[in-house]
Amino acid sequence: PRGSYYSRKESYDYWGQGTQVTVSS
């Protein structure tokens, strides 16, 4: 709620563990 920039990771408080995306040609 105190973040000023939506594109900066520093403006986010909580994160998930991530999911892998792999794209092959």
PDB file of all heavy atoms in Angstrom:
ATOM      1  N   PRO A   1       0.806  -1.226   0.000  1.00  0.00           N
ATOM      2  CA  PRO A   1       0.000   0.000   0.000  1.00  0.00           C
ATOM      3  C   PRO A   1       0.832   1.265   0.000  1.00  0.00           C
ATOM      4  O   PRO A   1       0.311   2.334  -0.317  1.00  0.00           O
ATOM      5  CB  PRO A   1      -0.822  -0.122   1.290  1.00  0.00           C
ATOM      6  CG  PRO A   1      -0.036  -1.038   2.160  1.00  0.00           C
ATOM      7  CD  PRO A   1       0.604  -2.016   1.225  1.00  0.00           C
ATOM      8  N   ARG A   2       2.107   1.159   0.319  1.00  0.00           N
ATOM      9  CA  ARG A   2       2.993   2.321   0.344  1.00  0.00           C
ATOM     10  C   ARG A   2       3.859   2.428  -0.913  1.00  0.00           C
ATOM     11  O   ARG A   2       4.610   3.380  -1.062  1.00  0.00           O
ATOM     12  CB  ARG A   2       3.895   2.265   1.567  1.00  0.00           C
ATOM     13  CG  ARG A   2       4.615   0.942   1.722  1.00  0.00           C
ATOM     14  CD  ARG A   2       5.517   0.929   2.940  1.00  0.00           C
ATOM     15  NE  ARG A   2       5.867  -0.434   3.306  1.00  0.00           N
ATOM     16  CZ  ARG A   2       6.748  -1.181   2.649  1.00  0.00           C
ATOM     17  NH1 ARG A   2       7.355  -0.697   1.574  1.00  0.00           N
ATOM     18  NH2 ARG A   2       7.009  -2.413   3.053  1.00  0.00           N
ATOM     19  N   GLY A   3       3.778   1.464  -1.790  1.00  0.00           N
ATOM     20  CA  GLY A   3       4.561   1.479  -3.006  1.00  0.00           C
ATOM     21  C   GLY A   3       4.080   2.532  -3.985  1.00  0.00           C
ATOM     22  O   GLY A   3       2.880   2.796  -4.094  1.00  0.00           O
ATOM     23  N   SER A   4       5.021   3.120  -4.717  1.00  0.00           N
ATOM     24  CA  SER A   4       4.692   4.182  -5.656  1.00  0.00           C
ATOM     25  C   SER A   4       4.761   3.755  -7.118  1.00  0.00           C
ATOM     26  O   SER A   4       4.160   4.406  -7.967  1.00  0.00           O
ATOM     27  CB  SER A   4       5.625   5.376  -5.448  1.00  0.00           C
ATOM     28  OG  SER A   4       5.484   5.922  -4.149  1.00  0.00           O
ATOM     29  N   TYR A   5       5.485   2.675  -7.415  1.00  0.00           N
ATOM     30  CA  TYR A   5       5.714   2.262  -8.793  1.00  0.00           C
ATOM     31  C   TYR A   5       5.321   0.802  -8.981  1.00  0.00           C
ATOM     32  O   TYR A   5       5.937  -0.100  -8.416  1.00  0.00           O
ATOM     33  CB  TYR A   5       7.177   2.467  -9.170  1.00  0.00           C
ATOM     34  CG  TYR A   5       7.658   3.877  -8.918  1.00  0.00           C
ATOM     35  CD1 TYR A   5       8.377   4.189  -7.769  1.00  0.00           C
ATOM     36  CD2 TYR A   5       7.380   4.894  -9.827  1.00  0.00           C
ATOM     37  CE1 TYR A   5       8.809   5.481  -7.534  1.00  0.00           C
ATOM     38  CE2 TYR A   5       7.812   6.190  -9.591  1.00  0.00           C
ATOM     39  CZ  TYR A   5       8.527   6.481  -8.451  1.00  0.00           C
ATOM     40  OH  TYR A   5       8.959   7.765  -8.228  1.00  0.00           O
ATOM     41  N   TYR A   6       4.338   0.572  -9.821  1.00  0.00           N
ATOM     42  CA  TYR A   6       3.838  -0.781 -10.018  1.00  0.00           C
ATOM     43  C   TYR A   6       4.814  -1.684 -10.762  1.00  0.00           C
ATOM     44  O   TYR A   6       4.704  -2.908 -10.700  1.00  0.00           O
ATOM     45  CB  TYR A   6       2.497  -0.761 -10.760  1.00  0.00           C
ATOM     46  CG  TYR A   6       2.551  -0.109 -12.130  1.00  0.00           C
ATOM     47  CD1 TYR A   6       3.026  -0.812 -13.235  1.00  0.00           C
ATOM     48  CD2 TYR A   6       2.109   1.192 -12.312  1.00  0.00           C
ATOM     49  CE1 TYR A   6       3.081  -0.225 -14.482  1.00  0.00           C
ATOM     50  CE2 TYR A   6       2.157   1.785 -13.566  1.00  0.00           C
ATOM     51  CZ  TYR A   6       2.645   1.079 -14.643  1.00  0.00           C
ATOM     52  OH  TYR A   6       2.690   1.669 -15.883  1.00  0.00           O
ATOM     53  N   SER A   7       5.774  -1.099 -11.481  1.00  0.00           N
ATOM     54  CA  SER A   7       6.712  -1.886 -12.262  1.00  0.00           C
ATOM     55  C   SER A   7       7.991  -2.243 -11.502  1.00  0.00           C
ATOM     56  O   SER A   7       8.844  -2.937 -12.047  1.00  0.00           O
ATOM     57  CB  SER A   7       7.081  -1.137 -13.543  1.00  0.00           C
ATOM     58  OG  SER A   7       7.717   0.092 -13.254  1.00  0.00           O
ATOM     59  N   ARG A   8       8.114  -1.795 -10.283  1.00  0.00           N
ATOM     60  CA  ARG A   8       9.308  -2.064  -9.491  1.00  0.00           C
ATOM     61  C   ARG A   8       9.025  -3.141  -8.446  1.00  0.00           C
ATOM     62  O   ARG A   8       8.048  -3.060  -7.716  1.00  0.00           O
ATOM     63  CB  ARG A   8       9.800  -0.794  -8.805  1.00  0.00           C
ATOM     64  CG  ARG A   8      10.204   0.303  -9.792  1.00  0.00           C
ATOM     65  CD  ARG A   8      10.725   1.524  -9.078  1.00  0.00           C
ATOM     66  NE  ARG A   8      11.121   2.568 -10.001  1.00  0.00           N
ATOM     67  CZ  ARG A   8      11.601   3.747  -9.649  1.00  0.00           C
ATOM     68  NH1 ARG A   8      11.756   4.036  -8.360  1.00  0.00           N
ATOM     69  NH2 ARG A   8      11.930   4.635 -10.564  1.00  0.00           N
ATOM     70  N   LYS A   9       9.899  -4.123  -8.375  1.00  0.00           N
ATOM     71  CA  LYS A   9       9.691  -5.212  -7.435  1.00  0.00           C
ATOM     72  C   LYS A   9       9.721  -4.744  -5.992  1.00  0.00           C
ATOM     73  O   LYS A   9       9.132  -5.388  -5.119  1.00  0.00           O
ATOM     74  CB  LYS A   9      10.718  -6.327  -7.643  1.00  0.00           C
ATOM     75  CG  LYS A   9      12.161  -5.898  -7.544  1.00  0.00           C
ATOM     76  CD  LYS A   9      13.072  -7.083  -7.858  1.00  0.00           C
ATOM     77  CE  LYS A   9      14.543  -6.713  -7.733  1.00  0.00           C
ATOM     78  NZ  LYS A   9      14.949  -5.715  -8.742  1.00  0.00           N
ATOM     79  N   GLU A  10      10.379  -3.614  -5.746  1.00  0.00           N
ATOM     80  CA  GLU A  10      10.433  -3.067  -4.396  1.00  0.00           C
ATOM     81  C   GLU A  10       9.081  -2.556  -3.912  1.00  0.00           C
ATOM     82  O   GLU A  10       8.914  -2.296  -2.718  1.00  0.00           O
ATOM     83  CB  GLU A  10      11.454  -1.926  -4.330  1.00  0.00           C
ATOM     84  CG  GLU A  10      12.894  -2.362  -4.509  1.00  0.00           C
ATOM     85  CD  GLU A  10      13.280  -2.561  -5.963  1.00  0.00           C
ATOM     86  OE1 GLU A  10      12.464  -2.246  -6.858  1.00  0.00           O
ATOM     87  OE2 GLU A  10      14.406  -3.028  -6.212  1.00  0.00           O
ATOM     88  N   SER A  11       8.116  -2.429  -4.798  1.00  0.00           N
ATOM     89  CA  SER A  11       6.786  -1.952  -4.441  1.00  0.00           C
ATOM     90  C   SER A  11       5.841  -3.076  -4.042  1.00  0.00           C
ATOM     91  O   SER A  11       4.659  -2.824  -3.820  1.00  0.00           O
ATOM     92  CB  SER A  11       6.178  -1.164  -5.602  1.00  0.00           C
ATOM     93  OG  SER A  11       6.913   0.025  -5.857  1.00  0.00           O
ATOM     94  N   TYR A  12       6.342  -4.286  -3.952  1.00  0.00           N
ATOM     95  CA  TYR A  12       5.530  -5.456  -3.613  1.00  0.00           C
ATOM     96  C   TYR A  12       6.021  -6.096  -2.322  1.00  0.00           C
ATOM     97  O   TYR A  12       7.231  -6.214  -2.096  1.00  0.00           O
ATOM     98  CB  TYR A  12       5.551  -6.469  -4.761  1.00  0.00           C
ATOM     99  CG  TYR A  12       4.911  -5.922  -6.011  1.00  0.00           C
ATOM    100  CD1 TYR A  12       5.609  -5.075  -6.857  1.00  0.00           C
ATOM    101  CD2 TYR A  12       3.595  -6.239  -6.334  1.00  0.00           C
ATOM    102  CE1 TYR A  12       5.008  -4.551  -7.990  1.00  0.00           C
ATOM    103  CE2 TYR A  12       2.998  -5.730  -7.462  1.00  0.00           C
ATOM    104  CZ  TYR A  12       3.709  -4.880  -8.290  1.00  0.00           C
ATOM    105  OH  TYR A  12       3.116  -4.361  -9.412  1.00  0.00           O
ATOM    106  N   ASP A  13       5.073  -6.520  -1.499  1.00  0.00           N
ATOM    107  CA  ASP A  13       5.394  -7.034  -0.170  1.00  0.00           C
ATOM    108  C   ASP A  13       5.485  -8.554  -0.087  1.00  0.00           C
ATOM    109  O   ASP A  13       6.285  -9.088   0.681  1.00  0.00           O
ATOM    110  CB  ASP A  13       4.350  -6.563   0.844  1.00  0.00           C
ATOM    111  CG  ASP A  13       4.518  -5.109   1.236  1.00  0.00           C
ATOM    112  OD1 ASP A  13       5.646  -4.592   1.160  1.00  0.00           O
ATOM    113  OD2 ASP A  13       3.512  -4.492   1.635  1.00  0.00           O
ATOM    114  N   TYR A  14       4.652  -9.261  -0.844  1.00  0.00           N
ATOM    115  CA  TYR A  14       4.564 -10.709  -0.727  1.00  0.00           C
ATOM    116  C   TYR A  14       4.729 -11.356  -2.090  1.00  0.00           C
ATOM    117  O   TYR A  14       4.188 -10.875  -3.096  1.00  0.00           O
ATOM    118  CB  TYR A  14       3.225 -11.123  -0.114  1.00  0.00           C
ATOM    119  CG  TYR A  14       2.974 -10.500   1.236  1.00  0.00           C
ATOM    120  CD1 TYR A  14       2.157  -9.386   1.362  1.00  0.00           C
ATOM    121  CD2 TYR A  14       3.565 -11.019   2.378  1.00  0.00           C
ATOM    122  CE1 TYR A  14       1.931  -8.803   2.596  1.00  0.00           C
ATOM    123  CE2 TYR A  14       3.350 -10.439   3.615  1.00  0.00           C
ATOM    124  CZ  TYR A  14       2.529  -9.331   3.719  1.00  0.00           C
ATOM    125  OH  TYR A  14       2.317  -8.757   4.946  1.00  0.00           O
ATOM    126  N   TRP A  15       5.447 -12.487  -2.105  1.00  0.00           N
ATOM    127  CA  TRP A  15       5.783 -13.179  -3.347  1.00  0.00           C
ATOM    128  C   TRP A  15       5.485 -14.668  -3.252  1.00  0.00           C
ATOM    129  O   TRP A  15       5.653 -15.278  -2.194  1.00  0.00           O
ATOM    130  CB  TRP A  15       7.267 -13.004  -3.673  1.00  0.00           C
ATOM    131  CG  TRP A  15       7.650 -11.590  -3.909  1.00  0.00           C
ATOM    132  CD1 TRP A  15       7.914 -10.640  -2.974  1.00  0.00           C
ATOM    133  CD2 TRP A  15       7.820 -10.961  -5.180  1.00  0.00           C
ATOM    134  NE1 TRP A  15       8.230  -9.446  -3.579  1.00  0.00           N
ATOM    135  CE2 TRP A  15       8.185  -9.615  -4.933  1.00  0.00           C
ATOM    136  CE3 TRP A  15       7.704 -11.398  -6.499  1.00  0.00           C
ATOM    137  CZ2 TRP A  15       8.430  -8.709  -5.963  1.00  0.00           C
ATOM    138  CZ3 TRP A  15       7.951 -10.502  -7.525  1.00  0.00           C
ATOM    139  CH2 TRP A  15       8.314  -9.167  -7.250  1.00  0.00           C
ATOM    140  N   GLY A  16       5.065 -15.240  -4.370  1.00  0.00           N
ATOM    141  CA  GLY A  16       4.928 -16.679  -4.448  1.00  0.00           C
ATOM    142  C   GLY A  16       6.260 -17.340  -4.735  1.00  0.00           C
ATOM    143  O   GLY A  16       7.290 -16.676  -4.892  1.00  0.00           O
ATOM    144  N   GLN A  17       6.252 -18.666  -4.831  1.00  0.00           N
ATOM    145  CA  GLN A  17       7.471 -19.426  -5.078  1.00  0.00           C
ATOM    146  C   GLN A  17       7.834 -19.515  -6.545  1.00  0.00           C
ATOM    147  O   GLN A  17       8.959 -19.895  -6.884  1.00  0.00           O
ATOM    148  CB  GLN A  17       7.345 -20.825  -4.487  1.00  0.00           C
ATOM    149  CG  GLN A  17       7.270 -20.840  -2.969  1.00  0.00           C
ATOM    150  CD  GLN A  17       8.506 -20.233  -2.343  1.00  0.00           C
ATOM    151  OE1 GLN A  17       9.632 -20.659  -2.620  1.00  0.00           O
ATOM    152  NE2 GLN A  17       8.311 -19.220  -1.499  1.00  0.00           N
ATOM    153  N   GLY A  18       6.917 -19.179  -7.426  1.00  0.00           N
ATOM    154  CA  GLY A  18       7.193 -19.161  -8.846  1.00  0.00           C
ATOM    155  C   GLY A  18       6.766 -20.430  -9.563  1.00  0.00           C
ATOM    156  O   GLY A  18       6.667 -21.501  -8.966  1.00  0.00           O
ATOM    157  N   THR A  19       6.520 -20.296 -10.858  1.00  0.00           N
ATOM    158  CA  THR A  19       6.200 -21.432 -11.712  1.00  0.00           C
ATOM    159  C   THR A  19       7.014 -21.315 -12.997  1.00  0.00           C
ATOM    160  O   THR A  19       7.126 -20.236 -13.583  1.00  0.00           O
ATOM    161  CB  THR A  19       4.686 -21.498 -12.008  1.00  0.00           C
ATOM    162  OG1 THR A  19       4.393 -22.681 -12.754  1.00  0.00           O
ATOM    163  CG2 THR A  19       4.203 -20.275 -12.775  1.00  0.00           C
ATOM    164  N   GLN A  20       7.595 -22.428 -13.428  1.00  0.00           N
ATOM    165  CA  GLN A  20       8.505 -22.424 -14.567  1.00  0.00           C
ATOM    166  C   GLN A  20       7.745 -22.444 -15.883  1.00  0.00           C
ATOM    167  O   GLN A  20       6.843 -23.261 -16.085  1.00  0.00           O
ATOM    168  CB  GLN A  20       9.437 -23.633 -14.499  1.00  0.00           C
ATOM    169  CG  GLN A  20      10.371 -23.779 -15.698  1.00  0.00           C
ATOM    170  CD  GLN A  20      11.455 -22.730 -15.724  1.00  0.00           C
ATOM    171  OE1 GLN A  20      12.130 -22.512 -14.718  1.00  0.00           O
ATOM    172  NE2 GLN A  20      11.628 -22.070 -16.863  1.00  0.00           N
ATOM    173  N   VAL A  21       8.142 -21.556 -16.788  1.00  0.00           N
ATOM    174  CA  VAL A  21       7.635 -21.542 -18.153  1.00  0.00           C
ATOM    175  C   VAL A  21       8.816 -21.724 -19.090  1.00  0.00           C
ATOM    176  O   VAL A  21       9.769 -20.945 -19.047  1.00  0.00           O
ATOM    177  CB  VAL A  21       6.898 -20.233 -18.482  1.00  0.00           C
ATOM    178  CG1 VAL A  21       6.540 -20.173 -19.966  1.00  0.00           C
ATOM    179  CG2 VAL A  21       5.651 -20.096 -17.628  1.00  0.00           C
ATOM    180  N   THR A  22       8.762 -22.746 -19.925  1.00  0.00           N
ATOM    181  CA  THR A  22       9.822 -23.030 -20.877  1.00  0.00           C
ATOM    182  C   THR A  22       9.230 -23.063 -22.281  1.00  0.00           C
ATOM    183  O   THR A  22       8.295 -23.820 -22.544  1.00  0.00           O
ATOM    184  CB  THR A  22      10.504 -24.365 -20.571  1.00  0.00           C
ATOM    185  OG1 THR A  22      11.034 -24.342 -19.241  1.00  0.00           O
ATOM    186  CG2 THR A  22      11.635 -24.628 -21.553  1.00  0.00           C
ATOM    187  N   VAL A  23       9.787 -22.248 -23.171  1.00  0.00           N
ATOM    188  CA  VAL A  23       9.296 -22.152 -24.543  1.00  0.00           C
ATOM    189  C   VAL A  23      10.408 -22.585 -25.486  1.00  0.00           C
ATOM    190  O   VAL A  23      11.489 -21.993 -25.499  1.00  0.00           O
ATOM    191  CB  VAL A  23       8.836 -20.732 -24.892  1.00  0.00           C
ATOM    192  CG1 VAL A  23       8.225 -20.704 -26.285  1.00  0.00           C
ATOM    193  CG2 VAL A  23       7.840 -20.229 -23.860  1.00  0.00           C
ATOM    194  N   SER A  24      10.142 -23.610 -26.279  1.00  0.00           N
ATOM    195  CA  SER A  24      11.118 -24.153 -27.213  1.00  0.00           C
ATOM    196  C   SER A  24      10.767 -23.743 -28.635  1.00  0.00           C
ATOM    197  O   SER A  24       9.594 -23.590 -28.992  1.00  0.00           O
ATOM    198  CB  SER A  24      11.169 -25.678 -27.117  1.00  0.00           C
ATOM    199  OG  SER A  24      11.491 -26.099 -25.811  1.00  0.00           O
ATOM    200  N   SER A  25      11.791 -23.588 -29.465  1.00  0.00           N
ATOM    201  CA  SER A  25      11.589 -23.250 -30.866  1.00  0.00           C
ATOM    202  C   SER A  25      11.520 -24.482 -31.742  1.00  0.00           C
ATOM    203  O   SER A  25      11.006 -24.449 -32.841  1.00  0.00           O
ATOM    204  CB  SER A  25      12.704 -22.322 -31.349  1.00  0.00           C
ATOM    205  OG  SER A  25      13.963 -22.955 -31.230  1.00  0.00           O
TER     206      SER A  25
END
